[in-house]
Amino acid sequence: LDGEDLIEQSEIRGDQMLHFVFELFHRELASGVFLQRLFASLVQSYVFQRAKIFLNRKGDDLFLEDKKFSISIAAPSSN
């Protein structure tokens, strides 16, 4: 569960969702966080170029106006 959503008691759901899953092994958690932010930036740029829709980015979260457009979570594995 995303920590910010947990604090705000926001429900994480959507009628239509597209999932991207990245698995990185033998890396520090910071690597996952950096990749989250890079991926969010790439998605923001792609959506604007293809659909001319501007998404606001705050860290690794994307927003369409005041609604959350994406959810991104990085967590260490238990290996």
C-alpha atoms as a PDB file:
ATOM      1  CA  LEU A   1       0.000   0.000   0.000  1.00  0.00           C
ATOM      2  CA  ASP A   2       1.276   3.439  -0.902  1.00  0.00           C
ATOM      3  CA  GLY A   3       2.232   5.254   2.328  1.00  0.00           C
ATOM      4  CA  GLU A   4       0.661   8.563   1.332  1.00  0.00           C
ATOM      5  CA  ASP A   5      -2.605   6.856   0.397  1.00  0.00           C
ATOM      6  CA  LEU A   6      -2.568   4.958   3.673  1.00  0.00           C
ATOM      7  CA  ILE A   7      -2.195   8.190   5.662  1.00  0.00           C
ATOM      8  CA  GLU A   8      -4.986   9.863   3.663  1.00  0.00           C
ATOM      9  CA  GLN A   9      -7.101   6.688   3.910  1.00  0.00           C
ATOM     10  CA  SER A  10      -7.552   6.834   0.129  1.00  0.00           C
ATOM     11  CA  GLU A  11      -8.997   3.823  -1.619  1.00  0.00           C
ATOM     12  CA  ILE A  12      -6.760   2.431  -4.348  1.00  0.00           C
ATOM     13  CA  ARG A  13      -8.948   1.180  -7.189  1.00  0.00           C
ATOM     14  CA  GLY A  14      -9.925   1.860 -10.771  1.00  0.00           C
ATOM     15  CA  ASP A  15     -12.384   0.556 -13.321  1.00  0.00           C
ATOM     16  CA  GLN A  16      -9.669   0.411 -15.960  1.00  0.00           C
ATOM     17  CA  MET A  17      -6.037  -0.018 -15.039  1.00  0.00           C
ATOM     18  CA  LEU A  18      -2.778  -0.767 -16.783  1.00  0.00           C
ATOM     19  CA  HIS A  19      -0.086  -2.352 -14.632  1.00  0.00           C
ATOM     20  CA  PHE A  20       3.674  -2.120 -15.002  1.00  0.00           C
ATOM     21  CA  VAL A  21       5.757  -4.334 -12.752  1.00  0.00           C
ATOM     22  CA  PHE A  22       9.505  -3.947 -12.349  1.00  0.00           C
ATOM     23  CA  GLU A  23      11.538  -6.451 -10.389  1.00  0.00           C
ATOM     24  CA  LEU A  24      15.079  -5.527  -9.497  1.00  0.00           C
ATOM     25  CA  PHE A  25      17.203  -7.980  -7.611  1.00  0.00           C
ATOM     26  CA  HIS A  26      20.335  -7.284  -5.605  1.00  0.00           C
ATOM     27  CA  ARG A  27      19.730  -3.521  -5.578  1.00  0.00           C
ATOM     28  CA  GLU A  28      19.195  -0.997  -2.821  1.00  0.00           C
ATOM     29  CA  LEU A  29      15.688   0.368  -2.258  1.00  0.00           C
ATOM     30  CA  ALA A  30      16.908   3.767  -3.495  1.00  0.00           C
ATOM     31  CA  SER A  31      17.388   2.229  -6.960  1.00  0.00           C
ATOM     32  CA  GLY A  32      13.702   1.364  -7.063  1.00  0.00           C
ATOM     33  CA  VAL A  33      12.703   4.838  -5.928  1.00  0.00           C
ATOM     34  CA  PHE A  34      14.893   6.454  -8.596  1.00  0.00           C
ATOM     35  CA  LEU A  35      13.369   4.211 -11.267  1.00  0.00           C
ATOM     36  CA  GLN A  36       9.861   5.089 -10.072  1.00  0.00           C
ATOM     37  CA  ARG A  37      10.544   8.773 -10.569  1.00  0.00           C
ATOM     38  CA  LEU A  38      12.207   8.244 -13.933  1.00  0.00           C
ATOM     39  CA  PHE A  39       9.300   6.098 -15.136  1.00  0.00           C
ATOM     40  CA  ALA A  40       6.739   8.666 -13.923  1.00  0.00           C
ATOM     41  CA  SER A  41       8.596  11.374 -15.825  1.00  0.00           C
ATOM     42  CA  LEU A  42       8.652   9.249 -18.993  1.00  0.00           C
ATOM     43  CA  VAL A  43       4.918   8.504 -18.715  1.00  0.00           C
ATOM     44  CA  GLN A  44       4.169  12.195 -18.125  1.00  0.00           C
ATOM     45  CA  SER A  45       6.085  13.133 -21.264  1.00  0.00           C
ATOM     46  CA  TYR A  46       4.591  10.318 -23.362  1.00  0.00           C
ATOM     47  CA  VAL A  47       0.990  11.139 -22.409  1.00  0.00           C
ATOM     48  CA  PHE A  48       1.560  14.786 -23.274  1.00  0.00           C
ATOM     49  CA  GLN A  49       3.219  14.006 -26.619  1.00  0.00           C
ATOM     50  CA  ARG A  50       0.573  11.477 -27.677  1.00  0.00           C
ATOM     51  CA  ALA A  51      -2.639  12.917 -26.209  1.00  0.00           C
ATOM     52  CA  LYS A  52      -1.702  16.526 -25.377  1.00  0.00           C
ATOM     53  CA  ILE A  53      -2.869  15.879 -21.804  1.00  0.00           C
ATOM     54  CA  PHE A  54      -0.721  17.540 -19.174  1.00  0.00           C
ATOM     55  CA  LEU A  55      -0.184  15.506 -16.031  1.00  0.00           C
ATOM     56  CA  ASN A  56       1.284  17.133 -12.937  1.00  0.00           C
ATOM     57  CA  ARG A  57       4.072  15.135 -11.343  1.00  0.00           C
ATOM     58  CA  LYS A  58       4.899  15.198  -7.645  1.00  0.00           C
ATOM     59  CA  GLY A  59       7.746  12.799  -6.930  1.00  0.00           C
ATOM     60  CA  ASP A  60       6.639   9.489  -8.419  1.00  0.00           C
ATOM     61  CA  ASP A  61       2.917  10.350  -8.502  1.00  0.00           C
ATOM     62  CA  LEU A  62       1.075  11.695 -11.539  1.00  0.00           C
ATOM     63  CA  PHE A  63      -2.099  13.757 -11.268  1.00  0.00           C
ATOM     64  CA  LEU A  64      -4.736  14.733 -13.812  1.00  0.00           C
ATOM     65  CA  GLU A  65      -5.989  18.004 -12.411  1.00  0.00           C
ATOM     66  CA  ASP A  66      -6.754  17.081  -8.768  1.00  0.00           C
ATOM     67  CA  LYS A  67      -7.203  13.329  -9.324  1.00  0.00           C
ATOM     68  CA  LYS A  68      -4.412  10.824  -8.894  1.00  0.00           C
ATOM     69  CA  PHE A  69      -3.491   9.324 -12.260  1.00  0.00           C
ATOM     70  CA  SER A  70      -0.908   6.781 -11.115  1.00  0.00           C
ATOM     71  CA  ILE A  71       0.158   4.736  -8.143  1.00  0.00           C
ATOM     72  CA  SER A  72       3.764   3.698  -7.710  1.00  0.00           C
ATOM     73  CA  ILE A  73       5.227   1.588  -4.931  1.00  0.00           C
ATOM     74  CA  ALA A  74       8.812   0.508  -4.238  1.00  0.00           C
ATOM     75  CA  ALA A  75       9.456  -2.086  -1.563  1.00  0.00           C
ATOM     76  CA  PRO A  76      12.392  -4.270  -0.638  1.00  0.00           C
ATOM     77  CA  SER A  77      12.020  -7.983  -1.293  1.00  0.00           C
ATOM     78  CA  SER A  78      12.311 -10.562   1.419  1.00  0.00           C
ATOM     79  CA  ASN A  79      14.969 -12.603  -0.398  1.00  0.00           C
END
